[in-house]
PDB file of N, CA and C in Angstrom:
ATOM      1  N   MET A   1     109.590 135.107  19.504  1.00  0.00           N
ATOM      2  CA  MET A   1     108.315 135.090  19.954  1.00  0.00           C
ATOM      3  C   MET A   1     108.342 134.479  21.443  1.00  0.00           C
ATOM      4  N   ASN A   2     107.652 134.977  22.300  1.00  0.00           N
ATOM      5  CA  ASN A   2     107.631 134.355  23.505  1.00  0.00           C
ATOM      6  C   ASN A   2     106.067 134.486  24.207  1.00  0.00           C
ATOM      7  N   THR A   3     106.053 133.420  25.318  1.00  0.00           N
ATOM      8  CA  THR A   3     104.404 133.418  25.693  1.00  0.00           C
ATOM      9  C   THR A   3     104.729 132.882  27.013  1.00  0.00           C
ATOM     10  N   GLU A   4     103.705 133.091  28.056  1.00  0.00           N
ATOM     11  CA  GLU A   4     103.953 132.756  29.248  1.00  0.00           C
ATOM     12  C   GLU A   4     103.152 131.394  29.597  1.00  0.00           C
ATOM     13  N   GLN A   5     103.905 130.637  30.515  1.00  0.00           N
ATOM     14  CA  GLN A   5     103.541 129.311  30.843  1.00  0.00           C
ATOM     15  C   GLN A   5     103.771 129.071  32.291  1.00  0.00           C
ATOM     16  N   GLN A   6     103.421 128.069  32.814  1.00  0.00           N
ATOM     17  CA  GLN A   6     103.893 127.800  34.194  1.00  0.00           C
ATOM     18  C   GLN A   6     104.818 126.598  34.391  1.00  0.00           C
ATOM     19  N   LEU A   7     105.745 126.821  35.276  1.00  0.00           N
ATOM     20  CA  LEU A   7     106.872 125.991  35.495  1.00  0.00           C
ATOM     21  C   LEU A   7     106.903 125.594  37.142  1.00  0.00           C
ATOM     22  N   PHE A   8     107.107 124.135  37.286  1.00  0.00           N
ATOM     23  CA  PHE A   8     106.995 123.607  38.735  1.00  0.00           C
ATOM     24  C   PHE A   8     105.405 123.769  39.303  1.00  0.00           C
ATOM     25  N   ASP A   9     104.567 124.132  38.347  1.00  0.00           N
ATOM     26  CA  ASP A   9     103.055 124.413  38.873  1.00  0.00           C
ATOM     27  C   ASP A   9     102.854 125.542  39.632  1.00  0.00           C
ATOM     28  N   GLU A  10     103.877 126.567  39.763  1.00  0.00           N
ATOM     29  CA  GLU A  10     103.806 127.813  40.471  1.00  0.00           C
ATOM     30  C   GLU A  10     104.618 128.929  39.905  1.00  0.00           C
ATOM     31  N   LEU A  11     105.485 128.778  39.165  1.00  0.00           N
ATOM     32  CA  LEU A  11     106.381 129.749  38.724  1.00  0.00           C
ATOM     33  C   LEU A  11     105.821 130.085  37.466  1.00  0.00           C
ATOM     34  N   SER A  12     105.505 131.704  36.996  1.00  0.00           N
ATOM     35  CA  SER A  12     105.297 131.921  35.789  1.00  0.00           C
ATOM     36  C   SER A  12     106.471 132.053  35.122  1.00  0.00           C
ATOM     37  N   VAL A  13     106.663 131.496  33.951  1.00  0.00           N
ATOM     38  CA  VAL A  13     107.830 131.323  33.065  1.00  0.00           C
ATOM     39  C   VAL A  13     107.494 132.152  31.596  1.00  0.00           C
ATOM     40  N   ARG A  14     108.571 132.722  31.069  1.00  0.00           N
ATOM     41  CA  ARG A  14     108.439 133.014  29.710  1.00  0.00           C
ATOM     42  C   ARG A  14     109.148 132.068  28.903  1.00  0.00           C
ATOM     43  N   ARG A  15     108.581 131.987  27.424  1.00  0.00           N
ATOM     44  CA  ARG A  15     109.065 131.122  26.646  1.00  0.00           C
ATOM     45  C   ARG A  15     109.493 131.834  25.559  1.00  0.00           C
ATOM     46  N   PHE A  16     110.940 131.881  25.144  1.00  0.00           N
ATOM     47  CA  PHE A  16     111.454 132.167  23.956  1.00  0.00           C
ATOM     48  C   PHE A  16     111.897 131.189  23.120  1.00  0.00           C
ATOM     49  N   GLU A  17     111.398 131.656  21.577  1.00  0.00           N
ATOM     50  CA  GLU A  17     111.802 130.468  20.553  1.00  0.00           C
ATOM     51  C   GLU A  17     112.756 131.247  19.592  1.00  0.00           C
ATOM     52  N   TYR A  18     113.866 130.418  19.448  1.00  0.00           N
ATOM     53  CA  TYR A  18     114.828 130.630  18.440  1.00  0.00           C
ATOM     54  C   TYR A  18     115.002 129.759  17.433  1.00  0.00           C
ATOM     55  N   ASP A  19     115.772 129.990  16.354  1.00  0.00           N
ATOM     56  CA  ASP A  19     115.898 128.892  15.283  1.00  0.00           C
ATOM     57  C   ASP A  19     116.174 127.609  15.776  1.00  0.00           C
ATOM     58  N   ASP A  20     117.202 127.339  16.809  1.00  0.00           N
ATOM     59  CA  ASP A  20     117.745 125.899  17.141  1.00  0.00           C
ATOM     60  C   ASP A  20     117.586 125.817  18.707  1.00  0.00           C
ATOM     61  N   THR A  21     116.919 126.848  19.466  1.00  0.00           N
ATOM     62  CA  THR A  21     116.659 126.589  20.834  1.00  0.00           C
ATOM     63  C   THR A  21     115.357 127.415  21.477  1.00  0.00           C
ATOM     64  N   VAL A  22     114.901 126.374  22.433  1.00  0.00           N
ATOM     65  CA  VAL A  22     113.840 127.159  23.091  1.00  0.00           C
ATOM     66  C   VAL A  22     114.325 127.397  24.491  1.00  0.00           C
ATOM     67  N   VAL A  23     114.065 128.682  25.139  1.00  0.00           N
ATOM     68  CA  VAL A  23     114.458 129.081  26.160  1.00  0.00           C
ATOM     69  C   VAL A  23     113.494 129.320  27.227  1.00  0.00           C
ATOM     70  N   LEU A  24     113.311 128.726  28.517  1.00  0.00           N
ATOM     71  CA  LEU A  24     112.136 129.006  29.397  1.00  0.00           C
ATOM     72  C   LEU A  24     112.805 129.761  30.761  1.00  0.00           C
ATOM     73  N   ALA A  25     112.537 131.059  30.953  1.00  0.00           N
ATOM     74  CA  ALA A  25     113.155 131.890  31.783  1.00  0.00           C
ATOM     75  C   ALA A  25     112.137 132.182  32.864  1.00  0.00           C
ATOM     76  N   ALA A  26     112.458 131.861  34.216  1.00  0.00           N
ATOM     77  CA  ALA A  26     111.626 132.363  35.579  1.00  0.00           C
ATOM     78  C   ALA A  26     112.313 133.158  36.477  1.00  0.00           C
ATOM     79  N   ASP A  27     111.762 134.078  36.901  1.00  0.00           N
ATOM     80  CA  ASP A  27     112.234 134.747  38.174  1.00  0.00           C
ATOM     81  C   ASP A  27     111.892 133.894  39.353  1.00  0.00           C
ATOM     82  N   VAL A  28     113.207 133.523  39.912  1.00  0.00           N
ATOM     83  CA  VAL A  28     112.861 132.696  41.602  1.00  0.00           C
ATOM     84  C   VAL A  28     113.392 133.661  42.398  1.00  0.00           C
ATOM     85  N   ASP A  29     112.903 133.437  43.459  1.00  0.00           N
ATOM     86  CA  ASP A  29     113.516 134.021  44.674  1.00  0.00           C
ATOM     87  C   ASP A  29     114.584 133.337  45.367  1.00  0.00           C
ATOM     88  N   VAL A  30     115.580 133.350  45.132  1.00  0.00           N
ATOM     89  CA  VAL A  30     116.568 132.415  45.391  1.00  0.00           C
ATOM     90  C   VAL A  30     117.380 132.704  46.606  1.00  0.00           C
ATOM     91  N   GLY A  31     117.679 131.691  47.373  1.00  0.00           N
ATOM     92  CA  GLY A  31     118.703 132.037  48.633  1.00  0.00           C
ATOM     93  C   GLY A  31     120.127 131.554  48.324  1.00  0.00           C
ATOM     94  N   ASN A  32     120.698 131.288  49.308  1.00  0.00           N
ATOM     95  CA  ASN A  32     122.145 130.789  49.097  1.00  0.00           C
ATOM     96  C   ASN A  32     122.488 129.272  48.847  1.00  0.00           C
ATOM     97  N   ASN A  33     121.110 128.776  49.182  1.00  0.00           N
ATOM     98  CA  ASN A  33     121.236 127.309  49.136  1.00  0.00           C
ATOM     99  C   ASN A  33     120.256 126.779  48.014  1.00  0.00           C
ATOM    100  N   THR A  34     120.106 127.710  46.933  1.00  0.00           N
ATOM    101  CA  THR A  34     119.157 127.189  45.717  1.00  0.00           C
ATOM    102  C   THR A  34     120.017 126.697  44.720  1.00  0.00           C
ATOM    103  N   SER A  35     119.789 125.443  44.245  1.00  0.00           N
ATOM    104  CA  SER A  35     120.474 124.875  42.884  1.00  0.00           C
ATOM    105  C   SER A  35     119.654 124.445  42.144  1.00  0.00           C
ATOM    106  N   VAL A  36     120.148 124.157  40.837  1.00  0.00           N
ATOM    107  CA  VAL A  36     119.339 123.508  39.991  1.00  0.00           C
ATOM    108  C   VAL A  36     120.123 122.521  39.175  1.00  0.00           C
ATOM    109  N   ASP A  37     119.376 121.456  38.793  1.00  0.00           N
ATOM    110  CA  ASP A  37     120.093 120.492  37.930  1.00  0.00           C
ATOM    111  C   ASP A  37     119.439 119.727  37.146  1.00  0.00           C
ATOM    112  N   ILE A  38     119.435 118.936  36.197  1.00  0.00           N
ATOM    113  CA  ILE A  38     118.854 118.066  35.334  1.00  0.00           C
ATOM    114  C   ILE A  38     119.144 116.549  35.315  1.00  0.00           C
ATOM    115  N   VAL A  39     118.137 115.723  35.718  1.00  0.00           N
ATOM    116  CA  VAL A  39     118.317 114.128  35.953  1.00  0.00           C
ATOM    117  C   VAL A  39     117.335 113.491  35.047  1.00  0.00           C
ATOM    118  N   ASP A  40     117.819 112.848  34.173  1.00  0.00           N
ATOM    119  CA  ASP A  40     116.836 112.292  33.510  1.00  0.00           C
ATOM    120  C   ASP A  40     115.656 112.787  32.677  1.00  0.00           C
ATOM    121  N   ASN A  41     116.122 113.948  32.069  1.00  0.00           N
ATOM    122  CA  ASN A  41     115.061 114.771  31.544  1.00  0.00           C
ATOM    123  C   ASN A  41     114.065 115.364  32.547  1.00  0.00           C
ATOM    124  N   THR A  42     114.483 115.612  33.656  1.00  0.00           N
ATOM    125  CA  THR A  42     113.871 116.157  34.627  1.00  0.00           C
ATOM    126  C   THR A  42     114.606 117.533  35.192  1.00  0.00           C
ATOM    127  N   VAL A  43     113.965 118.706  35.381  1.00  0.00           N
ATOM    128  CA  VAL A  43     114.664 119.755  36.067  1.00  0.00           C
ATOM    129  C   VAL A  43     114.461 119.596  37.327  1.00  0.00           C
ATOM    130  N   ILE A  44     115.252 119.641  38.373  1.00  0.00           N
ATOM    131  CA  ILE A  44     115.278 119.779  39.616  1.00  0.00           C
ATOM    132  C   ILE A  44     115.575 120.818  40.278  1.00  0.00           C
ATOM    133  N   LEU A  45     114.864 121.663  41.225  1.00  0.00           N
ATOM    134  CA  LEU A  45     115.272 122.909  41.474  1.00  0.00           C
ATOM    135  C   LEU A  45     114.884 122.804  43.119  1.00  0.00           C
ATOM    136  N   VAL A  46     116.224 122.972  43.933  1.00  0.00           N
ATOM    137  CA  VAL A  46     116.224 122.648  45.198  1.00  0.00           C
ATOM    138  C   VAL A  46     116.439 124.036  45.874  1.00  0.00           C
ATOM    139  N   ASP A  47     115.454 124.305  46.722  1.00  0.00           N
ATOM    140  CA  ASP A  47     115.709 125.652  47.563  1.00  0.00           C
ATOM    141  C   ASP A  47     115.615 125.380  49.229  1.00  0.00           C
ATOM    142  N   GLY A  48     116.740 125.332  49.749  1.00  0.00           N
ATOM    143  CA  GLY A  48     116.747 124.903  51.082  1.00  0.00           C
ATOM    144  C   GLY A  48     116.244 123.574  51.280  1.00  0.00           C
ATOM    145  N   ASP A  49     114.972 123.256  52.015  1.00  0.00           N
ATOM    146  CA  ASP A  49     114.525 122.061  52.299  1.00  0.00           C
ATOM    147  C   ASP A  49     113.468 121.920  51.194  1.00  0.00           C
ATOM    148  N   GLU A  50     113.281 122.704  50.220  1.00  0.00           N
ATOM    149  CA  GLU A  50     112.036 122.461  49.413  1.00  0.00           C
ATOM    150  C   GLU A  50     112.700 121.960  47.940  1.00  0.00           C
ATOM    151  N   GLN A  51     111.912 120.929  47.326  1.00  0.00           N
ATOM    152  CA  GLN A  51     112.496 120.574  45.881  1.00  0.00           C
ATOM    153  C   GLN A  51     111.160 120.722  45.061  1.00  0.00           C
ATOM    154  N   TYR A  52     111.549 121.004  43.899  1.00  0.00           N
ATOM    155  CA  TYR A  52     110.673 121.226  42.820  1.00  0.00           C
ATOM    156  C   TYR A  52     111.049 120.476  41.563  1.00  0.00           C
ATOM    157  N   GLU A  53     110.261 119.596  40.951  1.00  0.00           N
ATOM    158  CA  GLU A  53     110.760 118.968  39.879  1.00  0.00           C
ATOM    159  C   GLU A  53     109.740 119.320  38.558  1.00  0.00           C
ATOM    160  N   GLN A  54     110.388 119.221  37.472  1.00  0.00           N
ATOM    161  CA  GLN A  54     109.583 119.473  36.124  1.00  0.00           C
ATOM    162  C   GLN A  54     110.126 118.310  35.145  1.00  0.00           C
ATOM    163  N   PRO A  55     109.220 117.659  34.603  1.00  0.00           N
ATOM    164  CA  PRO A  55     109.772 116.782  33.348  1.00  0.00           C
ATOM    165  C   PRO A  55     109.859 117.734  32.214  1.00  0.00           C
ATOM    166  N   LEU A  56     110.869 117.176  31.328  1.00  0.00           N
ATOM    167  CA  LEU A  56     111.186 117.853  30.168  1.00  0.00           C
ATOM    168  C   LEU A  56     110.982 116.948  28.880  1.00  0.00           C
ATOM    169  N   PRO A  57     110.833 117.380  27.653  1.00  0.00           N
ATOM    170  CA  PRO A  57     110.821 116.518  26.476  1.00  0.00           C
ATOM    171  C   PRO A  57     112.432 115.933  26.400  1.00  0.00           C
ATOM    172  N   ASP A  58     112.573 114.741  25.793  1.00  0.00           N
ATOM    173  CA  ASP A  58     113.814 114.072  25.818  1.00  0.00           C
ATOM    174  C   ASP A  58     114.529 114.819  24.503  1.00  0.00           C
ATOM    175  N   CYS A  59     115.741 115.645  25.230  1.00  0.00           N
ATOM    176  CA  CYS A  59     116.281 116.634  24.199  1.00  0.00           C
ATOM    177  C   CYS A  59     117.587 117.105  24.940  1.00  0.00           C
ATOM    178  N   ASP A  60     118.508 117.735  24.188  1.00  0.00           N
ATOM    179  CA  ASP A  60     119.647 118.448  24.713  1.00  0.00           C
ATOM    180  C   ASP A  60     119.127 119.510  25.743  1.00  0.00           C
ATOM    181  N   THR A  61     119.423 119.588  26.969  1.00  0.00           N
ATOM    182  CA  THR A  61     118.826 120.416  28.086  1.00  0.00           C
ATOM    183  C   THR A  61     119.921 121.071  28.612  1.00  0.00           C
ATOM    184  N   ARG A  62     120.087 122.123  29.102  1.00  0.00           N
ATOM    185  CA  ARG A  62     120.751 123.074  29.913  1.00  0.00           C
ATOM    186  C   ARG A  62     120.141 123.927  30.824  1.00  0.00           C
ATOM    187  N   ALA A  63     120.492 124.000  32.284  1.00  0.00           N
ATOM    188  CA  ALA A  63     119.685 124.689  33.209  1.00  0.00           C
ATOM    189  C   ALA A  63     120.581 125.510  34.177  1.00  0.00           C
ATOM    190  N   PHE A  64     120.453 126.813  34.466  1.00  0.00           N
ATOM    191  CA  PHE A  64     121.096 127.475  35.323  1.00  0.00           C
ATOM    192  C   PHE A  64     120.557 128.654  36.091  1.00  0.00           C
ATOM    193  N   ILE A  65     121.040 129.154  37.067  1.00  0.00           N
ATOM    194  CA  ILE A  65     120.347 130.469  37.754  1.00  0.00           C
ATOM    195  C   ILE A  65     121.419 131.311  37.685  1.00  0.00           C
ATOM    196  N   ASN A  66     121.063 132.577  37.314  1.00  0.00           N
ATOM    197  CA  ASN A  66     121.945 133.824  37.308  1.00  0.00           C
ATOM    198  C   ASN A  66     121.202 134.891  37.903  1.00  0.00           C
ATOM    199  N   ASN A  67     121.774 135.476  38.951  1.00  0.00           N
ATOM    200  CA  ASN A  67     120.917 136.768  39.535  1.00  0.00           C
ATOM    201  C   ASN A  67     119.408 136.520  39.564  1.00  0.00           C
ATOM    202  N   GLY A  68     119.119 135.335  40.146  1.00  0.00           N
ATOM    203  CA  GLY A  68     117.530 135.248  40.566  1.00  0.00           C
ATOM    204  C   GLY A  68     116.904 134.681  39.217  1.00  0.00           C
ATOM    205  N   ILE A  69     117.499 134.600  38.189  1.00  0.00           N
ATOM    206  CA  ILE A  69     116.802 134.028  36.921  1.00  0.00           C
ATOM    207  C   ILE A  69     117.003 132.690  36.790  1.00  0.00           C
ATOM    208  N   LEU A  70     116.158 131.622  36.810  1.00  0.00           N
ATOM    209  CA  LEU A  70     116.221 130.467  36.392  1.00  0.00           C
ATOM    210  C   LEU A  70     116.031 130.102  34.827  1.00  0.00           C
ATOM    211  N   THR A  71     117.089 129.777  34.177  1.00  0.00           N
ATOM    212  CA  THR A  71     116.914 129.611  32.599  1.00  0.00           C
ATOM    213  C   THR A  71     117.029 128.164  32.452  1.00  0.00           C
ATOM    214  N   ILE A  72     116.266 127.657  31.461  1.00  0.00           N
ATOM    215  CA  ILE A  72     116.406 126.362  30.978  1.00  0.00           C
ATOM    216  C   ILE A  72     116.362 126.329  29.399  1.00  0.00           C
ATOM    217  N   GLU A  73     117.425 126.034  28.892  1.00  0.00           N
ATOM    218  CA  GLU A  73     117.670 125.842  27.337  1.00  0.00           C
ATOM    219  C   GLU A  73     117.470 124.449  26.870  1.00  0.00           C
ATOM    220  N   LEU A  74     116.465 124.327  25.910  1.00  0.00           N
ATOM    221  CA  LEU A  74     116.093 123.423  25.005  1.00  0.00           C
ATOM    222  C   LEU A  74     116.383 123.210  23.719  1.00  0.00           C
ATOM    223  N   SER A  75     116.947 122.273  23.155  1.00  0.00           N
ATOM    224  CA  SER A  75     117.332 122.205  21.749  1.00  0.00           C
ATOM    225  C   SER A  75     116.131 122.015  21.241  1.00  0.00           C
ATOM    226  N   ALA A  76     115.889 122.695  19.976  1.00  0.00           N
ATOM    227  CA  ALA A  76     114.522 122.926  19.252  1.00  0.00           C
ATOM    228  C   ALA A  76     114.335 121.861  18.230  1.00  0.00           C
ATOM    229  N   GLU A  77     114.840 120.827  18.394  1.00  0.00           N
ATOM    230  CA  GLU A  77     114.661 119.700  17.307  1.00  0.00           C
ATOM    231  C   GLU A  77     113.470 119.007  17.450  1.00  0.00           C
ATOM    232  N   GLU A  78     112.948 119.113  18.632  1.00  0.00           N
ATOM    233  CA  GLU A  78     111.644 118.434  19.093  1.00  0.00           C
ATOM    234  C   GLU A  78     110.392 119.608  19.134  1.00  0.00           C
ATOM    235  N   ASP A  79     109.199 119.225  18.902  1.00  0.00           N
ATOM    236  CA  ASP A  79     108.447 120.154  18.969  1.00  0.00           C
ATOM    237  C   ASP A  79     107.354 120.228  20.292  1.00  0.00           C
ATOM    238  N   TYR A  80     107.460 121.122  21.058  1.00  0.00           N
ATOM    239  CA  TYR A  80     107.224 121.272  22.330  1.00  0.00           C
ATOM    240  C   TYR A  80     106.845 122.771  22.782  1.00  0.00           C
TER     241      TYR A  80
END
């Protein structure tokens, strides 16, 4: 199952639900200075001088960017 949502109040994101994981994926126009990190259940996307933050539920989370796609993986133990 996948649905569309908003991430960082600007990015259109797709949501994919699996047995034990929820995956959020968004196409981001990234440059060489773009990075993503998770701090205290908040995803932080930094692109040059711009910084975007998105709070997440308290669960195991992983975030990375590959070929311009921001992927956030959440453990599906919680209902969100």
